[in-house]
Protein backbone atom coordinates (compact mmCIF):
# COMPACT_ATOMS: atom_id res chain seq x y z
CA UNK A 1 -74.74 76.04 -11.56
CA UNK A 2 -75.15 74.24 -8.54
CA UNK A 3 -75.61 70.61 -11.26
CA UNK A 4 -72.73 71.57 -13.31
CA UNK A 5 -70.19 72.17 -9.89
CA UNK A 6 -71.45 68.80 -8.59
CA UNK A 7 -71.17 66.87 -11.85
CA UNK A 8 -66.99 68.19 -11.96
CA UNK A 9 -67.00 67.43 -8.04
CA UNK A 10 -67.94 63.74 -9.40
CA UNK A 11 -65.60 63.53 -11.98
CA UNK A 12 -62.41 64.70 -9.89
CA UNK A 13 -63.33 61.66 -7.05
CA UNK A 14 -63.68 58.98 -9.69
CA UNK A 15 -60.51 59.90 -11.55
CA UNK A 16 -58.50 58.16 -8.44
CA UNK A 17 -59.87 54.79 -9.17
CA UNK A 18 -57.39 54.17 -11.92
CA UNK A 19 -54.02 54.16 -10.25
CA UNK A 20 -55.71 52.79 -7.34
CA UNK A 21 -56.50 49.59 -9.81
CA UNK A 22 -53.56 50.15 -11.09
CA UNK A 23 -51.38 50.10 -8.02
CA UNK A 24 -53.34 47.14 -6.53
CA UNK A 25 -52.55 45.25 -9.33
CA UNK A 26 -48.89 45.11 -8.83
CA UNK A 27 -49.39 44.91 -5.53
CA UNK A 28 -51.37 41.32 -6.22
CA UNK A 29 -48.27 40.72 -8.53
CA UNK A 30 -45.70 41.38 -6.07
CA UNK A 31 -47.60 39.25 -3.25
CA UNK A 32 -48.12 37.02 -5.51
CA UNK A 33 -44.71 36.61 -6.49
CA UNK A 34 -43.64 36.93 -2.62
CA UNK A 35 -45.55 34.20 -2.31
CA UNK A 36 -44.38 31.68 -5.16
CA UNK A 37 -41.15 32.44 -4.00
CA UNK A 38 -41.77 31.66 -0.34
CA UNK A 39 -43.51 27.99 -1.40
CA UNK A 40 -40.61 28.10 -3.86
CA UNK A 41 -37.88 28.62 -1.32
CA UNK A 42 -39.91 26.55 1.61
CA UNK A 43 -39.99 23.40 -0.69
CA UNK A 44 -36.60 23.79 -1.92
CA UNK A 45 -35.87 23.61 2.22
CA UNK A 46 -38.03 20.74 2.47
CA UNK A 47 -35.67 18.98 -0.49
CA UNK A 48 -32.63 19.51 0.64
CA UNK A 49 -33.80 18.37 3.94
CA UNK A 50 -34.83 15.18 2.68
CA UNK A 51 -31.09 15.11 0.52
CA UNK A 52 -29.24 16.09 3.72
CA UNK A 53 -30.93 12.87 5.30
CA UNK A 54 -30.69 10.79 2.30
CA UNK A 55 -26.77 11.41 2.06
CA UNK A 56 -26.67 11.11 6.10
CA UNK A 57 -27.86 7.79 5.78
CA UNK A 58 -26.02 6.66 3.12
CA UNK A 59 -23.09 7.77 5.67
CA UNK A 60 -24.00 5.55 8.21
CA UNK A 61 -24.30 3.34 6.20
CA UNK A 62 -20.45 3.35 5.24
CA UNK A 63 -20.06 4.18 8.82
CA UNK A 64 -21.64 0.55 9.74
CA UNK A 65 -19.40 -1.54 7.74
CA UNK A 66 -16.56 0.03 8.94
CA UNK A 67 -17.49 -1.09 12.22
CA UNK A 68 -18.68 -4.73 11.11
CA UNK A 69 -15.01 -4.91 9.89
CA UNK A 70 -13.12 -3.94 12.48
CA UNK A 71 -15.30 -7.24 14.23
CA UNK A 72 -14.65 -9.41 11.38
CA UNK A 73 -11.82 -8.42 8.32
CA UNK A 74 -12.80 -10.81 6.47
CA UNK A 75 -16.90 -10.75 5.73
CA UNK A 76 -17.48 -9.00 2.86
CA UNK A 77 -21.51 -10.41 2.80
CA UNK A 78 -22.54 -8.85 5.76
CA UNK A 79 -22.77 -11.89 7.70
CA UNK A 80 -25.07 -13.34 5.40
CA UNK A 81 -22.82 -15.63 3.04
CA UNK A 82 -25.11 -14.59 0.31
CA UNK A 83 -24.37 -11.89 -1.99
CA UNK A 84 -26.00 -8.48 -1.90
CA UNK A 85 -27.14 -5.54 -1.35
CA UNK A 86 -27.71 -5.65 1.89
CA UNK A 87 -30.79 -3.56 3.08
CA UNK A 88 -30.82 -1.81 6.62
CA UNK A 89 -33.03 0.08 8.21
CA UNK A 90 -32.10 3.04 10.74
CA UNK A 91 -34.66 4.00 13.99
CA UNK A 92 -34.03 7.73 15.67
CA UNK A 93 -33.39 7.89 19.32
CA UNK A 94 -37.01 7.23 20.23
CA UNK A 95 -37.00 4.18 17.94
CA UNK A 96 -38.98 5.57 15.17
CA UNK A 97 -37.94 4.61 11.12
CA UNK A 98 -36.23 7.56 9.72
CA UNK A 99 -35.16 5.79 6.35
CA UNK A 100 -32.26 2.87 4.98
CA UNK A 101 -29.17 2.15 3.56
CA UNK A 102 -28.40 -0.44 0.99
CA UNK A 103 -25.03 -1.74 0.73
CA UNK A 104 -23.13 -2.97 -2.11
CA UNK A 105 -19.71 -4.46 -1.39
CA UNK A 106 -16.71 -5.28 -3.95
CA UNK A 107 -14.51 -7.76 -1.82
CA UNK A 108 -10.74 -7.33 -2.25
CA UNK A 109 -8.90 -8.92 -5.24
CA UNK A 110 -6.24 -11.90 -4.15
CA UNK A 111 -3.84 -10.06 -1.96
CA UNK A 112 -5.11 -7.11 -1.69
CA UNK A 113 -6.73 -5.71 1.78
CA UNK A 114 -8.71 -2.64 -1.09
CA UNK A 115 -12.33 -3.40 -0.45
CA UNK A 116 -14.87 -0.88 -2.04
CA UNK A 117 -18.18 -0.15 -0.49
CA UNK A 118 -21.28 1.69 -1.82
CA UNK A 119 -23.94 2.87 0.14
CA UNK A 120 -27.14 4.65 -0.98
CA UNK A 121 -29.37 6.64 1.58
CA UNK A 122 -33.34 6.41 1.38
CA UNK A 123 -35.23 8.57 3.79
CA UNK A 124 -38.73 6.96 4.91
CA UNK A 125 -41.79 8.17 2.67
CA UNK A 126 -39.98 9.88 -0.02
CA UNK A 127 -38.46 8.99 -2.99
CA UNK A 128 -35.08 10.71 -2.84
CA UNK A 129 -32.15 8.82 -2.75
CA UNK A 130 -28.42 9.53 -2.82
CA UNK A 131 -25.47 7.13 -3.17
CA UNK A 132 -21.53 7.24 -1.84
CA UNK A 133 -18.65 5.30 -2.60
CA UNK A 134 -15.89 4.68 -0.24
CA UNK A 135 -12.56 2.42 -0.46
CA UNK A 136 -11.22 1.28 2.40
CA UNK A 137 -7.87 -0.73 3.23
CA UNK A 138 -5.52 -2.18 5.84
CA UNK A 139 -1.90 -0.54 5.31
CA UNK A 140 0.55 -3.44 4.71
CA UNK A 141 4.79 -3.31 5.51
CA UNK A 142 4.60 -2.79 2.11
CA UNK A 143 3.72 0.71 2.48
CA UNK A 144 7.48 1.34 3.20
CA UNK A 145 9.85 1.87 0.03
CA UNK A 146 12.73 0.71 2.48
CA UNK A 147 11.66 -0.11 6.09
CA UNK A 148 14.62 -1.57 8.60
CA UNK A 149 15.21 -2.68 12.08
CA UNK A 150 18.66 -0.92 11.46
CA UNK A 151 20.24 2.24 10.78
CA UNK A 152 20.15 3.47 6.79
CA UNK A 153 22.25 6.21 5.58
CA UNK A 154 21.57 8.15 2.30
CA UNK A 155 24.38 9.89 0.38
CA UNK A 156 25.84 11.10 -2.70
CA UNK A 157 23.39 11.47 -5.05
CA UNK A 158 20.64 8.70 -3.68
CA UNK A 159 17.27 10.04 -4.42
CA UNK A 160 14.23 8.17 -2.41
CA UNK A 161 10.39 8.66 -3.25
CA UNK A 162 8.74 6.03 -1.32
CA UNK A 163 8.17 6.07 2.93
CA UNK A 164 11.18 5.50 4.18
CA UNK A 165 11.51 4.01 8.08
CA UNK A 166 13.76 2.92 10.68
CA UNK A 167 13.43 1.35 13.61
CA UNK A 168 16.73 2.87 14.84
CA UNK A 169 17.65 5.84 12.72
CA UNK A 170 18.18 7.49 9.32
CA UNK A 171 21.06 9.64 8.19
CA UNK A 172 21.11 11.74 5.17
CA UNK A 173 24.80 12.36 4.54
CA UNK A 174 26.15 15.17 2.58
CA UNK A 175 27.05 14.52 -0.91
CA UNK A 176 27.59 15.92 -4.45
CA UNK A 177 24.48 15.45 -5.88
CA UNK A 178 22.79 15.72 -2.42
CA UNK A 179 20.40 13.06 -1.63
CA UNK A 180 16.66 13.94 -1.54
CA UNK A 181 13.76 12.37 0.17
CA UNK A 182 10.68 13.24 -1.92
CA UNK A 183 8.26 10.99 0.65
CA UNK A 184 8.27 11.44 4.53
CA UNK A 185 10.93 9.70 6.42
CA UNK A 186 10.19 8.73 9.59
CA UNK A 187 12.23 6.64 12.92
CA UNK A 188 11.32 4.78 15.97
CA UNK A 189 13.47 7.19 17.84
CA UNK A 190 14.21 10.39 19.37
CA UNK A 191 17.91 9.94 19.04
CA UNK A 192 20.60 7.52 18.06
CA UNK A 193 24.57 8.21 18.11
CA UNK A 194 24.50 12.05 19.43
CA UNK A 195 21.91 12.94 16.13
CA UNK A 196 18.52 13.32 16.09
CA UNK A 197 16.42 10.52 14.88
CA UNK A 198 16.95 11.18 11.31
CA UNK A 199 19.02 14.07 10.47
CA UNK A 200 20.91 15.44 7.69
CA UNK A 201 24.32 16.17 7.60
CA UNK A 202 23.99 18.45 3.55
CA UNK A 203 24.94 21.88 4.73
CA UNK A 204 23.75 23.74 6.86
CA UNK A 205 24.35 20.38 8.66
CA UNK A 206 21.72 19.54 11.48
CA UNK A 207 22.42 20.69 15.37
CA UNK A 208 22.60 17.83 17.61
CA UNK A 209 20.20 16.98 20.32
CA UNK A 210 18.71 18.48 22.32
CA UNK A 211 18.91 21.58 20.32
CA UNK A 212 15.35 22.18 17.83
CA UNK A 213 14.76 20.28 14.96
CA UNK A 214 15.25 22.82 11.97
CA UNK A 215 13.17 22.49 8.45
CA UNK A 216 14.77 21.01 5.54
CA UNK A 217 12.10 20.86 2.82
CA UNK A 218 15.43 20.94 0.53
CA UNK A 219 16.60 17.02 1.99
CA UNK A 220 13.19 15.84 3.76
CA UNK A 221 10.53 17.35 0.44
CA UNK A 222 7.66 15.46 2.64
CA UNK A 223 9.23 16.53 6.06
CA UNK A 224 10.64 14.21 8.91
CA UNK A 225 9.17 12.89 11.83
CA UNK A 226 10.31 11.05 15.13
CA UNK A 227 9.72 9.50 17.45
CA UNK A 228 6.76 6.97 15.61
CA UNK A 229 5.78 3.41 16.50
CA UNK A 230 8.39 0.63 15.61
CA UNK A 231 7.67 -1.74 12.78
CA UNK A 232 7.52 -5.24 14.01
CA UNK A 233 9.86 -7.68 12.28
CA UNK A 234 9.31 -10.60 14.90
CA UNK A 235 5.81 -10.80 14.67
CA UNK A 236 6.22 -11.63 10.98
CA UNK A 237 6.87 -14.91 12.32
CA UNK A 238 3.11 -15.42 12.92
CA UNK A 239 2.70 -14.33 9.55
CA UNK A 240 4.87 -17.04 7.93
CA UNK A 241 3.39 -19.60 10.38
CA UNK A 242 -0.13 -18.52 8.68
CA UNK A 243 1.37 -18.93 5.32
CA UNK A 244 2.35 -22.27 5.88
CA UNK A 245 -0.61 -23.30 6.65
CA UNK A 246 -2.72 -21.81 4.05
CA UNK A 247 -0.07 -22.97 1.62
CA UNK A 248 -0.66 -26.58 2.62
CA UNK A 249 -3.92 -26.44 2.47
CA UNK A 250 -5.08 -24.35 -0.57
CA UNK A 251 -1.47 -23.15 -1.97
CA UNK A 252 1.71 -24.79 -2.98
CA UNK A 253 3.83 -26.60 -0.34
CA UNK A 254 7.20 -28.57 -0.12
CA UNK A 255 9.54 -29.65 2.68
CA UNK A 256 13.35 -29.32 2.40
CA UNK A 257 14.95 -30.30 -1.10
CA UNK A 258 17.15 -32.88 1.05
CA UNK A 259 20.04 -30.78 -0.55
CA UNK A 260 20.79 -26.97 -1.20
CA UNK A 261 17.48 -25.52 -1.99
CA UNK A 262 14.79 -24.67 -5.27
CA UNK A 263 14.89 -22.97 -7.78
CA UNK A 264 11.87 -21.74 -9.04
CA UNK A 265 11.00 -20.02 -12.65
CA UNK A 266 7.98 -18.10 -13.17
CA UNK A 267 6.15 -18.16 -16.50
CA UNK A 268 3.64 -15.71 -18.27
CA UNK A 269 1.12 -18.38 -19.25
CA UNK A 270 0.41 -18.67 -15.56
CA UNK A 271 2.04 -21.55 -14.02
CA UNK A 272 5.86 -21.97 -12.57
CA UNK A 273 8.80 -24.67 -13.43
CA UNK A 274 10.08 -26.16 -9.61
CA UNK A 275 13.78 -27.47 -9.63
CA UNK A 276 15.78 -29.02 -7.27
CA UNK A 277 19.16 -27.82 -6.93
CA UNK A 278 21.93 -30.24 -6.17
CA UNK A 279 25.23 -27.63 -6.64
CA UNK A 280 26.43 -24.57 -6.36
CA UNK A 281 29.33 -22.72 -7.88
CA UNK A 282 32.15 -23.48 -6.56
CA UNK A 283 33.98 -20.73 -4.56
CA UNK A 284 36.97 -19.07 -6.76
CA UNK A 285 40.34 -19.58 -5.40
CA UNK A 286 41.45 -17.06 -2.72
CA UNK A 287 38.25 -15.55 -2.93
CA UNK A 288 36.25 -16.52 0.49
CA UNK A 289 35.50 -13.30 2.23
CA UNK A 290 34.55 -13.63 6.05
CA UNK A 291 31.40 -12.38 6.15
CA UNK A 292 28.43 -14.13 7.78
CA UNK A 293 26.50 -16.63 5.48
CA UNK A 294 29.24 -15.98 2.71
CA UNK A 295 29.15 -18.27 -0.29
CA UNK A 296 28.40 -17.85 -3.97
CA UNK A 297 25.07 -18.16 -3.47
CA UNK A 298 24.92 -19.16 -7.51
CA UNK A 299 23.76 -21.94 -9.16
CA UNK A 300 26.49 -24.54 -10.86
CA UNK A 301 26.59 -24.57 -14.58
CA UNK A 302 27.39 -28.14 -14.98
CA UNK A 303 24.96 -30.81 -16.01
CA UNK A 304 22.92 -32.53 -13.38
CA UNK A 305 23.46 -29.40 -11.04
CA UNK A 306 19.57 -29.20 -11.07
CA UNK A 307 16.52 -31.79 -11.11
CA UNK A 308 13.39 -30.40 -12.80
CA UNK A 309 10.54 -31.45 -10.22
CA UNK A 310 8.11 -30.46 -12.41
CA UNK A 311 5.67 -27.39 -13.98
CA UNK A 312 2.72 -26.65 -11.71
CA UNK A 313 -0.11 -23.83 -12.14
CA UNK A 314 0.36 -20.98 -9.99
CA UNK A 315 -1.87 -21.74 -6.79
CA UNK A 316 -5.74 -20.14 -6.15
CA UNK A 317 -4.43 -17.76 -2.94
CA UNK A 318 -0.86 -17.45 -4.53
CA UNK A 319 1.14 -18.52 -1.93
CA UNK A 320 4.07 -20.72 -2.38
CA UNK A 321 5.87 -21.72 0.74
CA UNK A 322 8.90 -23.70 0.34
CA UNK A 323 11.28 -24.93 3.47
CA UNK A 324 14.47 -24.53 2.29
CA UNK A 325 16.86 -21.35 0.30
CA UNK A 326 15.01 -20.27 -3.08
CA UNK A 327 16.34 -19.09 -6.17
CA UNK A 328 13.70 -16.95 -8.27
CA UNK A 329 13.91 -15.89 -11.53
CA UNK A 330 10.78 -15.54 -14.79
CA UNK A 331 8.05 -12.94 -15.42
CA UNK A 332 4.15 -13.46 -14.74
CA UNK A 333 1.56 -11.50 -16.45
CA UNK A 334 -1.51 -10.83 -14.44
CA UNK A 335 -0.54 -13.03 -11.28
CA UNK A 336 -0.08 -12.25 -7.28
CA UNK A 337 2.10 -14.42 -5.43
CA UNK A 338 4.00 -14.34 -1.80
CA UNK A 339 6.74 -16.80 -1.91
CA UNK A 340 8.26 -17.60 1.36
CA UNK A 341 11.67 -19.54 2.16
CA UNK A 342 11.03 -20.40 6.21
CA UNK A 343 12.07 -23.84 8.05
CA UNK A 344 9.91 -24.69 11.73
CA UNK A 345 10.90 -25.11 13.96
CA UNK A 346 12.48 -21.66 14.65
CA UNK A 347 16.25 -21.71 14.43
CA UNK A 348 18.50 -19.09 13.70
CA UNK A 349 20.97 -21.57 12.51
CA UNK A 350 18.89 -23.06 10.09
CA UNK A 351 17.12 -19.45 8.35
CA UNK A 352 16.59 -19.71 4.78
CA UNK A 353 17.59 -17.20 1.97
CA UNK A 354 15.64 -16.17 -1.53
CA UNK A 355 18.04 -15.23 -4.04
CA UNK A 356 17.40 -13.42 -7.30
CA UNK A 357 20.97 -14.25 -10.17
CA UNK A 358 18.45 -13.40 -13.26
CA UNK A 359 15.53 -11.32 -13.93
CA UNK A 360 12.23 -11.35 -11.97
CA UNK A 361 9.75 -9.15 -13.91
CA UNK A 362 6.25 -8.14 -13.83
CA UNK A 363 4.07 -7.55 -17.36
CA UNK A 364 2.08 -5.02 -16.11
CA UNK A 365 2.79 -1.98 -13.58
CA UNK A 366 -0.67 -1.10 -12.75
CA UNK A 367 -0.88 -3.42 -9.53
CA UNK A 368 -1.61 -6.04 -11.83
CA UNK A 369 1.05 -7.81 -11.37
CA UNK A 370 2.95 -8.54 -7.78
CA UNK A 371 5.21 -10.73 -6.36
CA UNK A 372 6.17 -10.94 -3.29
CA UNK A 373 9.55 -12.68 -1.61
CA UNK A 374 9.57 -13.63 2.11
CA UNK A 375 13.35 -14.87 2.99
CA UNK A 376 13.20 -16.01 6.88
CA UNK A 377 17.10 -14.97 6.74
CA UNK A 378 18.73 -13.09 4.01
CA UNK A 379 17.60 -11.50 0.57
CA UNK A 380 20.62 -12.05 -1.88
CA UNK A 381 22.46 -11.39 -5.08
CA UNK A 382 24.80 -14.29 -5.36
CA UNK A 383 27.97 -13.66 -6.79
CA UNK A 384 27.39 -14.41 -10.94
CA UNK A 385 24.11 -12.08 -10.34
CA UNK A 386 23.41 -10.70 -13.79
CA UNK A 387 25.31 -7.90 -14.83
CA UNK A 388 22.27 -5.83 -15.82
CA UNK A 389 19.64 -7.18 -13.43
CA UNK A 390 15.77 -6.75 -12.99
CA UNK A 391 13.93 -7.38 -9.98
CA UNK A 392 10.13 -6.17 -9.87
CA UNK A 393 8.96 -7.56 -6.02
CA UNK A 394 8.04 -6.63 -2.58
CA UNK A 395 11.16 -8.02 -0.37
CA UNK A 396 11.04 -8.77 3.02
CA UNK A 397 14.18 -10.19 5.03
CA UNK A 398 12.46 -10.87 8.51
CA UNK A 399 16.09 -12.14 10.50
CA UNK A 400 18.96 -11.02 7.81
CA UNK A 401 19.60 -8.74 5.38
CA UNK A 402 19.17 -7.68 2.02
CA UNK A 403 22.71 -8.14 0.60
CA UNK A 404 25.04 -8.87 -2.07
CA UNK A 405 28.24 -9.89 -0.17
CA UNK A 406 31.72 -8.58 -0.98
CA UNK A 407 33.44 -9.94 -3.90
CA UNK A 408 36.95 -9.42 -4.33
CA UNK A 409 39.08 -8.70 -7.00
CA UNK A 410 40.17 -12.45 -6.74
CA UNK A 411 36.54 -13.47 -7.77
CA UNK A 412 37.08 -11.96 -11.17
CA UNK A 413 35.20 -11.33 -13.47
CA UNK A 414 32.25 -11.22 -10.88
CA UNK A 415 33.60 -8.56 -8.18
CA UNK A 416 31.70 -5.60 -10.50
CA UNK A 417 28.11 -6.15 -11.80
CA UNK A 418 26.78 -3.10 -13.97
CA UNK A 419 22.97 -2.13 -13.06
CA UNK A 420 20.52 -3.70 -10.55
CA UNK A 421 17.03 -2.15 -10.87
CA UNK A 422 14.34 -2.56 -8.57
CA UNK A 423 10.72 -1.83 -8.80
CA UNK A 424 9.00 -2.40 -5.09
CA UNK A 425 10.27 -2.00 -1.85
CA UNK A 426 12.70 -3.96 0.73
CA UNK A 427 11.96 -4.79 4.03
CA UNK A 428 15.06 -5.51 6.11
CA UNK A 429 16.14 -6.55 9.40
CA UNK A 430 19.73 -5.62 9.47
CA UNK A 431 21.87 -3.13 6.92
CA UNK A 432 20.88 -3.84 3.46
CA UNK A 433 23.26 -3.35 0.46
CA UNK A 434 24.24 -4.26 -2.96
CA UNK A 435 27.66 -2.51 -3.62
CA UNK A 436 30.12 -2.68 -0.40
CA UNK A 437 33.77 -2.29 -0.27
CA UNK A 438 34.00 -1.69 -3.71
CA UNK A 439 32.45 -4.89 -5.03
CA UNK A 440 28.66 -4.93 -6.28
CA UNK A 441 26.12 -3.00 -8.40
CA UNK A 442 27.89 0.18 -9.38
CA UNK A 443 23.86 1.59 -10.74
CA UNK A 444 20.96 0.76 -8.42
CA UNK A 445 18.15 2.77 -9.57
CA UNK A 446 15.34 1.93 -7.76
CA UNK A 447 11.36 2.75 -7.79
CA UNK A 448 9.04 2.63 -5.51
CA UNK A 449 5.33 0.30 -6.50
CA UNK A 450 2.66 2.43 -4.96
CA UNK A 451 0.45 0.20 -5.89
CA UNK A 452 1.52 -2.12 -2.98
CA UNK A 453 -0.22 0.07 0.02
CA UNK A 454 -3.13 -1.11 0.29
CA UNK A 455 -2.65 -3.93 -3.04
CA UNK A 456 0.37 -6.36 -1.25
CA UNK A 457 1.00 -9.60 -2.41
CA UNK A 458 -1.20 -11.94 -0.71
CA UNK A 459 -1.00 -12.18 2.94
CA UNK A 460 2.01 -10.02 2.93
CA UNK A 461 2.45 -8.90 7.01
CA UNK A 462 0.24 -5.67 7.74
CA UNK A 463 1.35 -2.64 9.81
CA UNK A 464 -2.46 -2.35 11.57
CA UNK A 465 -5.35 -4.13 12.01
CA UNK A 466 -7.96 -1.51 11.02
CA UNK A 467 -9.64 -0.31 7.84
CA UNK A 468 -8.48 3.01 6.75
CA UNK A 469 -10.56 5.29 3.91
CA UNK A 470 -9.03 5.89 0.87
CA UNK A 471 -10.94 7.78 -0.88
CA UNK A 472 -15.11 9.24 -0.80
CA UNK A 473 -17.16 10.26 -3.53
CA UNK A 474 -20.32 10.66 -4.30
CA UNK A 475 -22.10 9.18 -7.37
């Protein structure tokens, strides 16, 4: 009896082993999973740390070269005068090497300020690397669709797509349809003529200062700012002096024509014909008007009015500098040019003008084709300008205006013109207009060339001396 009871007791105790083994196995599996998860998490964190170090090293490469360009804006070879890549070690505060970055630099196209930098960061003792690509550029005066050293007004039906700036003031006046600015409008003044630096009379008209400036997105769709720093027109003189020196050294230069000026005909073949202008279209009887600098500004149509001086290839640096008035026309295909009419030493009585009376056009509108026209005096469309005229260019009238003079009914058939289509930008010291006093172009569709912002014509005046980051991406 006692033996049987003992056997039953032993069997009862042994039955606990099975659940113990099961639960122990489960515990081991769970612990193993936790340990593997912990191991993977630690490794992932380590990898993330290494990858974070790699991207920080790549960023340090970008910061380094932005600093380098701030001290030498035209050095795209890291001071080595040799092609890259350029590798630099990076140290911590204790002088220990923590990794390196490798730079590949794509310099700007002729006339552009846009530089591309690719920086690869590699932490010390690691095979992990990360690469980022950044584009940087210095903004030029071509950042504006219109910039002027005078007051500028927009009225009925005016629609502006690029940035607008005035050193004096900007007015958007009530009309039907109402004027609209799709981009930022700025002024260097807080107030002018008792109005805000940028104001509108489109109902409800702006109150007068010192009232608060109302929000008017119906007129200023990207806003308005004033006061902001003025744009320096006087400083363009230094730019012209540098362009002259570069044109003499590696571009195309001619002194005074000795007559009325020069005519340039641009060709898609990559060359231009240069003419001497011997005589201008005479003033029709009773046509003269009392505006300063008034004239027909049109080349005569008689035999001998021009003399062909030769056909010349576009200069490698894209700079053409003539110390006389210049008439320009033609078409380019894959060219980047700046044409300057200026005379030195500076004398207001001898400022030189640029005139476009026949089509001046691009083949491509993606930034490949660029024409800059910089006149020391005025930019003009003459009396006999084409009835339907196209001008593709970035235009500066440093000391004058961008205008077509007034031609009365006595100047028939030149009084009225039909359409002036422009693509590019205008910078004018004085007020600009191509329709004045019931004379001129009755339709003036204008488009801003956004490619000009960081890809301006060669040696075009800049508005800053510092590179700005345009885009950032990891590749």
